[in-house]
Amino acid sequence: MEARSLSNSLRLRVSVVYKDMVNEPSRLHPSRILLAVILTLFLIPACSPGLTATPFIPPTAEAPLIEPGLIIQPTRQVEVAPSTPLPTIAPTIDPDQCVNSLTFIDDLTVPDNSSVPYGSTIDKQWRVQNSGTCNWNSAYRLRHTDGAALGAPEEIALYPARAGTQATIQIIFAAPFTDGEYESTWQAFDPNGLAFGEPIFIRILVAAP
């Protein structure tokens, strides 16, 4: 309100000065002309409409980007198949009255004189028959008796079999790293450590690949 009143007062004085300049220019003092110019310059911004200040709006911070995390899928549970145990065979009711015997039937794998490369794994299997009257249980053994062991243990369990039935005997061998003919012989033994039946063997020819 005070600013508007001051503006009106200045306008009135400028109007008087300009009126004198028009009606009696010879009577005007230079100082009055200078005063009119200054007042005019002062009234120009006063008469202009007020500028509306633009409010400051702070910039909105961008939402931080979220890096996708590593999604770990649940690991499928691994099912381990249990190893097949050897069948349990009850001993003969009267072992003193039975007879132990083993008869070779056939080579299921690795026929005699097969050629194998250095260091190869050999899965040898024989089909045999319990041709005696005693049942073979866990007390019966198969032992290495002659030739090269070819990486196999010296003694393993004889596969259990009832009297009159057939069984498969399996031994895993490893070929040596020297050229030549190799033979490994194995024999069955009863619980008393007595050898019985026909021996079984593997015969291979080893050569560089």
C-alpha atoms as a PDB file:
ATOM      1  CA  MET A   1       0.000   0.000   0.000  1.00  0.00           C
ATOM      2  CA  GLU A   2       2.837   2.454   0.890  1.00  0.00           C
ATOM      3  CA  ALA A   3       4.627   1.621  -2.322  1.00  0.00           C
ATOM      4  CA  ARG A   4       1.494   2.389  -4.345  1.00  0.00           C
ATOM      5  CA  SER A   5       1.074   5.769  -2.583  1.00  0.00           C
ATOM      6  CA  LEU A   6       4.694   6.687  -3.256  1.00  0.00           C
ATOM      7  CA  SER A   7       4.277   5.748  -6.890  1.00  0.00           C
ATOM      8  CA  ASN A   8       1.207   7.991  -7.220  1.00  0.00           C
ATOM      9  CA  SER A   9       3.078  10.898  -5.632  1.00  0.00           C
ATOM     10  CA  LEU A  10       5.967  10.536  -8.038  1.00  0.00           C
ATOM     11  CA  ARG A  11       3.604  10.448 -10.976  1.00  0.00           C
ATOM     12  CA  LEU A  12       2.030  13.679  -9.822  1.00  0.00           C
ATOM     13  CA  ARG A  13       5.388  15.459  -9.592  1.00  0.00           C
ATOM     14  CA  VAL A  14       6.484  14.197 -12.978  1.00  0.00           C
ATOM     15  CA  SER A  15       3.184  15.364 -14.433  1.00  0.00           C
ATOM     16  CA  VAL A  16       3.740  18.875 -13.031  1.00  0.00           C
ATOM     17  CA  VAL A  17       7.262  19.034 -14.413  1.00  0.00           C
ATOM     18  CA  TYR A  18       6.174  17.904 -17.846  1.00  0.00           C
ATOM     19  CA  LYS A  19       3.298  20.404 -17.810  1.00  0.00           C
ATOM     20  CA  ASP A  20       5.687  23.259 -17.089  1.00  0.00           C
ATOM     21  CA  MET A  21       7.962  22.013 -19.844  1.00  0.00           C
ATOM     22  CA  VAL A  22       5.091  22.197 -22.312  1.00  0.00           C
ATOM     23  CA  ASN A  23       3.513  25.491 -21.175  1.00  0.00           C
ATOM     24  CA  GLU A  24       6.563  27.501 -20.117  1.00  0.00           C
ATOM     25  CA  PRO A  25       9.693  25.873 -21.442  1.00  0.00           C
ATOM     26  CA  SER A  26      11.727  29.085 -20.967  1.00  0.00           C
ATOM     27  CA  ARG A  27      11.173  29.067 -17.202  1.00  0.00           C
ATOM     28  CA  LEU A  28      12.391  25.524 -16.684  1.00  0.00           C
ATOM     29  CA  HIS A  29      15.700  25.123 -14.860  1.00  0.00           C
ATOM     30  CA  PRO A  30      17.963  22.384 -16.065  1.00  0.00           C
ATOM     31  CA  SER A  31      17.815  20.769 -12.632  1.00  0.00           C
ATOM     32  CA  ARG A  32      14.068  20.393 -12.967  1.00  0.00           C
ATOM     33  CA  ILE A  33      14.520  18.676 -16.355  1.00  0.00           C
ATOM     34  CA  LEU A  34      17.061  16.276 -14.818  1.00  0.00           C
ATOM     35  CA  LEU A  35      14.664  15.601 -11.981  1.00  0.00           C
ATOM     36  CA  ALA A  36      11.932  14.734 -14.455  1.00  0.00           C
ATOM     37  CA  VAL A  37      14.163  12.257 -16.242  1.00  0.00           C
ATOM     38  CA  ILE A  38      15.204  10.550 -12.989  1.00  0.00           C
ATOM     39  CA  LEU A  39      11.628  10.304 -11.792  1.00  0.00           C
ATOM     40  CA  THR A  40      10.579   8.883 -15.135  1.00  0.00           C
ATOM     41  CA  LEU A  41      13.246   6.206 -14.916  1.00  0.00           C
ATOM     42  CA  PHE A  42      12.177   5.397 -11.383  1.00  0.00           C
ATOM     43  CA  LEU A  43       8.492   5.130 -12.349  1.00  0.00           C
ATOM     44  CA  ILE A  44       9.084   2.693 -15.237  1.00  0.00           C
ATOM     45  CA  PRO A  45       9.827  -0.326 -13.015  1.00  0.00           C
ATOM     46  CA  ALA A  46       7.359   0.871 -10.421  1.00  0.00           C
ATOM     47  CA  CYS A  47       4.551   0.902 -12.969  1.00  0.00           C
ATOM     48  CA  SER A  48       5.387  -2.470 -14.452  1.00  0.00           C
ATOM     49  CA  PRO A  49       3.542  -5.430 -13.014  1.00  0.00           C
ATOM     50  CA  GLY A  50       5.427  -7.310 -10.296  1.00  0.00           C
ATOM     51  CA  LEU A  51       7.276 -10.398 -11.336  1.00  0.00           C
ATOM     52  CA  THR A  52       6.108 -13.549  -9.745  1.00  0.00           C
ATOM     53  CA  ALA A  53       9.025 -15.489  -8.337  1.00  0.00           C
ATOM     54  CA  THR A  54       9.189 -19.069  -9.558  1.00  0.00           C
ATOM     55  CA  PRO A  55       9.472 -21.364  -6.572  1.00  0.00           C
ATOM     56  CA  PHE A  56      12.598 -23.566  -6.589  1.00  0.00           C
ATOM     57  CA  ILE A  57      11.728 -27.209  -6.981  1.00  0.00           C
ATOM     58  CA  PRO A  58      14.649 -29.450  -6.133  1.00  0.00           C
ATOM     59  CA  PRO A  59      15.279 -32.166  -8.707  1.00  0.00           C
ATOM     60  CA  THR A  60      13.803 -35.480  -7.841  1.00  0.00           C
ATOM     61  CA  ALA A  61      16.518 -38.044  -7.283  1.00  0.00           C
ATOM     62  CA  GLU A  62      16.201 -41.007  -9.609  1.00  0.00           C
ATOM     63  CA  ALA A  63      15.398 -44.263  -7.954  1.00  0.00           C
ATOM     64  CA  PRO A  64      18.559 -46.374  -7.736  1.00  0.00           C
ATOM     65  CA  LEU A  65      18.703 -49.236 -10.151  1.00  0.00           C
ATOM     66  CA  ILE A  66      18.562 -52.613  -8.490  1.00  0.00           C
ATOM     67  CA  GLU A  67      20.978 -55.042 -10.011  1.00  0.00           C
ATOM     68  CA  PRO A  68      19.345 -58.411 -10.575  1.00  0.00           C
ATOM     69  CA  GLY A  69      20.764 -60.898  -8.148  1.00  0.00           C
ATOM     70  CA  LEU A  70      21.998 -64.337  -8.995  1.00  0.00           C
ATOM     71  CA  ILE A  71      19.085 -66.730  -8.750  1.00  0.00           C
ATOM     72  CA  ILE A  72      20.260 -70.100  -7.556  1.00  0.00           C
ATOM     73  CA  GLN A  73      17.959 -72.878  -8.474  1.00  0.00           C
ATOM     74  CA  PRO A  74      17.642 -75.588  -5.888  1.00  0.00           C
ATOM     75  CA  THR A  75      19.956 -78.428  -6.672  1.00  0.00           C
ATOM     76  CA  ARG A  76      18.180 -81.581  -7.488  1.00  0.00           C
ATOM     77  CA  GLN A  77      18.899 -84.188  -4.885  1.00  0.00           C
ATOM     78  CA  VAL A  78      21.208 -86.842  -6.207  1.00  0.00           C
ATOM     79  CA  GLU A  79      19.986 -90.306  -5.582  1.00  0.00           C
ATOM     80  CA  VAL A  80      22.798 -92.747  -5.055  1.00  0.00           C
ATOM     81  CA  ALA A  81      21.901 -96.264  -5.939  1.00  0.00           C
ATOM     82  CA  PRO A  82      23.077 -98.577  -3.201  1.00  0.00           C
ATOM     83  CA  SER A  83      25.557-101.198  -4.268  1.00  0.00           C
ATOM     84  CA  THR A  84      24.082-104.645  -4.683  1.00  0.00           C
ATOM     85  CA  PRO A  85      25.281-106.837  -1.823  1.00  0.00           C
ATOM     86  CA  LEU A  86      26.294-110.389  -2.460  1.00  0.00           C
ATOM     87  CA  PRO A  87      23.448-112.825  -1.870  1.00  0.00           C
ATOM     88  CA  THR A  88      23.480-114.606   1.446  1.00  0.00           C
ATOM     89  CA  ILE A  89      23.682-118.360   1.127  1.00  0.00           C
ATOM     90  CA  ALA A  90      23.165-120.544   4.175  1.00  0.00           C
ATOM     91  CA  PRO A  91      25.973-123.032   4.737  1.00  0.00           C
ATOM     92  CA  THR A  92      25.365-126.691   4.046  1.00  0.00           C
ATOM     93  CA  ILE A  93      23.571-128.372   6.941  1.00  0.00           C
ATOM     94  CA  ASP A  94      26.348-130.954   7.272  1.00  0.00           C
ATOM     95  CA  PRO A  95      29.510-129.526   5.600  1.00  0.00           C
ATOM     96  CA  ASP A  96      31.481-132.665   6.496  1.00  0.00           C
ATOM     97  CA  GLN A  97      29.234-134.759   4.298  1.00  0.00           C
ATOM     98  CA  CYS A  98      29.225-132.481   1.195  1.00  0.00           C
ATOM     99  CA  VAL A  99      31.717-132.134  -1.619  1.00  0.00           C
ATOM    100  CA  ASN A 100      33.105-128.832  -3.006  1.00  0.00           C
ATOM    101  CA  SER A 101      33.563-128.515  -6.733  1.00  0.00           C
ATOM    102  CA  LEU A 102      33.677-125.743  -9.391  1.00  0.00           C
ATOM    103  CA  THR A 103      33.327-126.253 -13.133  1.00  0.00           C
ATOM    104  CA  PHE A 104      34.317-123.604 -15.710  1.00  0.00           C
ATOM    105  CA  ILE A 105      31.578-123.026 -18.318  1.00  0.00           C
ATOM    106  CA  ASP A 106      32.431-120.001 -20.459  1.00  0.00           C
ATOM    107  CA  ASP A 107      34.361-116.685 -20.829  1.00  0.00           C
ATOM    108  CA  LEU A 108      31.690-114.003 -20.758  1.00  0.00           C
ATOM    109  CA  THR A 109      34.155-111.181 -21.559  1.00  0.00           C
ATOM    110  CA  VAL A 110      37.736-110.829 -22.874  1.00  0.00           C
ATOM    111  CA  PRO A 111      38.326-114.112 -24.689  1.00  0.00           C
ATOM    112  CA  ASP A 112      41.764-115.709 -24.379  1.00  0.00           C
ATOM    113  CA  ASN A 113      44.579-113.968 -26.326  1.00  0.00           C
ATOM    114  CA  SER A 114      42.631-110.692 -26.631  1.00  0.00           C
ATOM    115  CA  SER A 115      44.784-107.679 -27.581  1.00  0.00           C
ATOM    116  CA  VAL A 116      44.565-104.743 -25.154  1.00  0.00           C
ATOM    117  CA  PRO A 117      46.431-101.377 -25.114  1.00  0.00           C
ATOM    118  CA  TYR A 118      48.757-100.171 -22.386  1.00  0.00           C
ATOM    119  CA  GLY A 119      47.119 -99.327 -19.050  1.00  0.00           C
ATOM    120  CA  SER A 120      43.591-100.213 -20.137  1.00  0.00           C
ATOM    121  CA  THR A 121      40.999-101.436 -17.631  1.00  0.00           C
ATOM    122  CA  ILE A 122      39.916-105.028 -18.212  1.00  0.00           C
ATOM    123  CA  ASP A 123      36.565-106.265 -16.911  1.00  0.00           C
ATOM    124  CA  LYS A 124      36.924-110.033 -16.969  1.00  0.00           C
ATOM    125  CA  GLN A 125      33.915-112.260 -16.254  1.00  0.00           C
ATOM    126  CA  TRP A 126      33.588-116.056 -16.192  1.00  0.00           C
ATOM    127  CA  ARG A 127      30.493-118.203 -15.947  1.00  0.00           C
ATOM    128  CA  VAL A 128      31.027-121.158 -13.609  1.00  0.00           C
ATOM    129  CA  GLN A 129      28.871-123.789 -11.964  1.00  0.00           C
ATOM    130  CA  ASN A 130      28.811-124.989  -8.405  1.00  0.00           C
ATOM    131  CA  SER A 131      29.119-128.604  -9.411  1.00  0.00           C
ATOM    132  CA  GLY A 132      29.527-129.912  -5.864  1.00  0.00           C
ATOM    133  CA  THR A 133      27.040-130.546  -3.078  1.00  0.00           C
ATOM    134  CA  CYS A 134      28.160-127.744  -0.732  1.00  0.00           C
ATOM    135  CA  ASN A 135      26.671-124.259  -0.875  1.00  0.00           C
ATOM    136  CA  TRP A 136      29.181-121.424  -1.400  1.00  0.00           C
ATOM    137  CA  ASN A 137      28.683-118.757   1.269  1.00  0.00           C
ATOM    138  CA  SER A 138      30.710-115.709   2.326  1.00  0.00           C
ATOM    139  CA  ALA A 139      33.409-117.934   3.813  1.00  0.00           C
ATOM    140  CA  TYR A 140      34.465-119.184   0.352  1.00  0.00           C
ATOM    141  CA  ARG A 141      37.316-117.327  -1.372  1.00  0.00           C
ATOM    142  CA  LEU A 142      38.938-116.931  -4.786  1.00  0.00           C
ATOM    143  CA  ARG A 143      42.728-116.467  -4.738  1.00  0.00           C
ATOM    144  CA  HIS A 144      45.393-115.500  -7.257  1.00  0.00           C
ATOM    145  CA  THR A 145      47.634-118.571  -7.578  1.00  0.00           C
ATOM    146  CA  ASP A 146      49.786-118.098 -10.674  1.00  0.00           C
ATOM    147  CA  GLY A 147      50.943-115.591 -13.296  1.00  0.00           C
ATOM    148  CA  ALA A 148      50.600-111.794 -13.128  1.00  0.00           C
ATOM    149  CA  ALA A 149      48.121-110.221 -10.717  1.00  0.00           C
ATOM    150  CA  LEU A 150      47.484-107.442 -13.290  1.00  0.00           C
ATOM    151  CA  GLY A 151      46.500-104.927 -10.645  1.00  0.00           C
ATOM    152  CA  ALA A 152      43.840-107.091  -8.958  1.00  0.00           C
ATOM    153  CA  PRO A 153      43.871-107.950  -5.222  1.00  0.00           C
ATOM    154  CA  GLU A 154      45.406-111.293  -4.282  1.00  0.00           C
ATOM    155  CA  GLU A 155      42.142-112.578  -2.808  1.00  0.00           C
ATOM    156  CA  ILE A 156      38.437-111.813  -3.270  1.00  0.00           C
ATOM    157  CA  ALA A 157      35.155-113.364  -2.142  1.00  0.00           C
ATOM    158  CA  LEU A 158      33.871-116.242  -4.240  1.00  0.00           C
ATOM    159  CA  TYR A 159      30.445-115.313  -5.553  1.00  0.00           C
ATOM    160  CA  PRO A 160      27.871-117.197  -3.399  1.00  0.00           C
ATOM    161  CA  ALA A 161      25.999-119.987  -5.160  1.00  0.00           C
ATOM    162  CA  ARG A 162      23.911-122.923  -4.063  1.00  0.00           C
ATOM    163  CA  ALA A 163      24.962-126.432  -5.035  1.00  0.00           C
ATOM    164  CA  GLY A 164      24.013-127.180  -8.644  1.00  0.00           C
ATOM    165  CA  THR A 165      23.541-123.505  -9.697  1.00  0.00           C
ATOM    166  CA  GLN A 166      25.580-121.247 -11.919  1.00  0.00           C
ATOM    167  CA  ALA A 167      27.345-118.023 -10.920  1.00  0.00           C
ATOM    168  CA  THR A 168      29.301-115.204 -12.586  1.00  0.00           C
ATOM    169  CA  ILE A 169      32.760-114.403 -11.266  1.00  0.00           C
ATOM    170  CA  GLN A 170      34.080-110.918 -12.051  1.00  0.00           C
ATOM    171  CA  ILE A 171      37.575-109.432 -11.568  1.00  0.00           C
ATOM    172  CA  ILE A 172      38.783-105.988 -12.726  1.00  0.00           C
ATOM    173  CA  PHE A 173      42.339-106.051 -14.121  1.00  0.00           C
ATOM    174  CA  ALA A 174      44.686-103.366 -15.462  1.00  0.00           C
ATOM    175  CA  ALA A 175      46.929-103.960 -18.463  1.00  0.00           C
ATOM    176  CA  PRO A 176      50.667-103.294 -17.890  1.00  0.00           C
ATOM    177  CA  PHE A 177      52.697-100.771 -19.903  1.00  0.00           C
ATOM    178  CA  THR A 178      55.027-103.350 -21.450  1.00  0.00           C
ATOM    179  CA  ASP A 179      54.439-105.387 -24.590  1.00  0.00           C
ATOM    180  CA  GLY A 180      53.923-109.098 -24.072  1.00  0.00           C
ATOM    181  CA  GLU A 181      51.591-111.988 -23.283  1.00  0.00           C
ATOM    182  CA  TYR A 182      50.164-112.049 -19.771  1.00  0.00           C
ATOM    183  CA  GLU A 183      48.204-114.720 -17.921  1.00  0.00           C
ATOM    184  CA  SER A 184      46.605-114.640 -14.469  1.00  0.00           C
ATOM    185  CA  THR A 185      45.261-117.820 -12.804  1.00  0.00           C
ATOM    186  CA  TRP A 186      42.713-117.982  -9.957  1.00  0.00           C
ATOM    187  CA  GLN A 187      41.533-120.821  -7.712  1.00  0.00           C
ATOM    188  CA  ALA A 188      38.539-121.351  -5.405  1.00  0.00           C
ATOM    189  CA  PHE A 189      39.105-122.191  -1.691  1.00  0.00           C
ATOM    190  CA  ASP A 190      36.700-123.515   0.947  1.00  0.00           C
ATOM    191  CA  PRO A 191      36.329-122.133   4.496  1.00  0.00           C
ATOM    192  CA  ASN A 192      39.097-124.492   5.657  1.00  0.00           C
ATOM    193  CA  GLY A 193      41.562-123.050   3.103  1.00  0.00           C
ATOM    194  CA  LEU A 194      41.467-126.108   0.832  1.00  0.00           C
ATOM    195  CA  ALA A 195      41.560-125.541  -2.937  1.00  0.00           C
ATOM    196  CA  PHE A 196      38.814-127.132  -5.009  1.00  0.00           C
ATOM    197  CA  GLY A 197      37.420-127.212  -8.530  1.00  0.00           C
ATOM    198  CA  GLU A 198      38.852-126.108 -11.835  1.00  0.00           C
ATOM    199  CA  PRO A 199      41.063-122.995 -11.917  1.00  0.00           C
ATOM    200  CA  ILE A 200      40.004-120.012 -14.039  1.00  0.00           C
ATOM    201  CA  PHE A 201      42.396-117.650 -15.844  1.00  0.00           C
ATOM    202  CA  ILE A 202      42.731-114.648 -18.157  1.00  0.00           C
ATOM    203  CA  ARG A 203      45.248-114.484 -21.037  1.00  0.00           C
ATOM    204  CA  ILE A 204      45.861-111.164 -22.863  1.00  0.00           C
ATOM    205  CA  LEU A 205      48.289-109.711 -25.401  1.00  0.00           C
ATOM    206  CA  VAL A 206      49.443-106.202 -24.463  1.00  0.00           C
ATOM    207  CA  ALA A 207      50.747-103.807 -27.119  1.00  0.00           C
ATOM    208  CA  ALA A 208      51.161-100.059 -27.527  1.00  0.00           C
ATOM    209  CA  PRO A 209      48.029 -98.339 -28.865  1.00  0.00           C
END
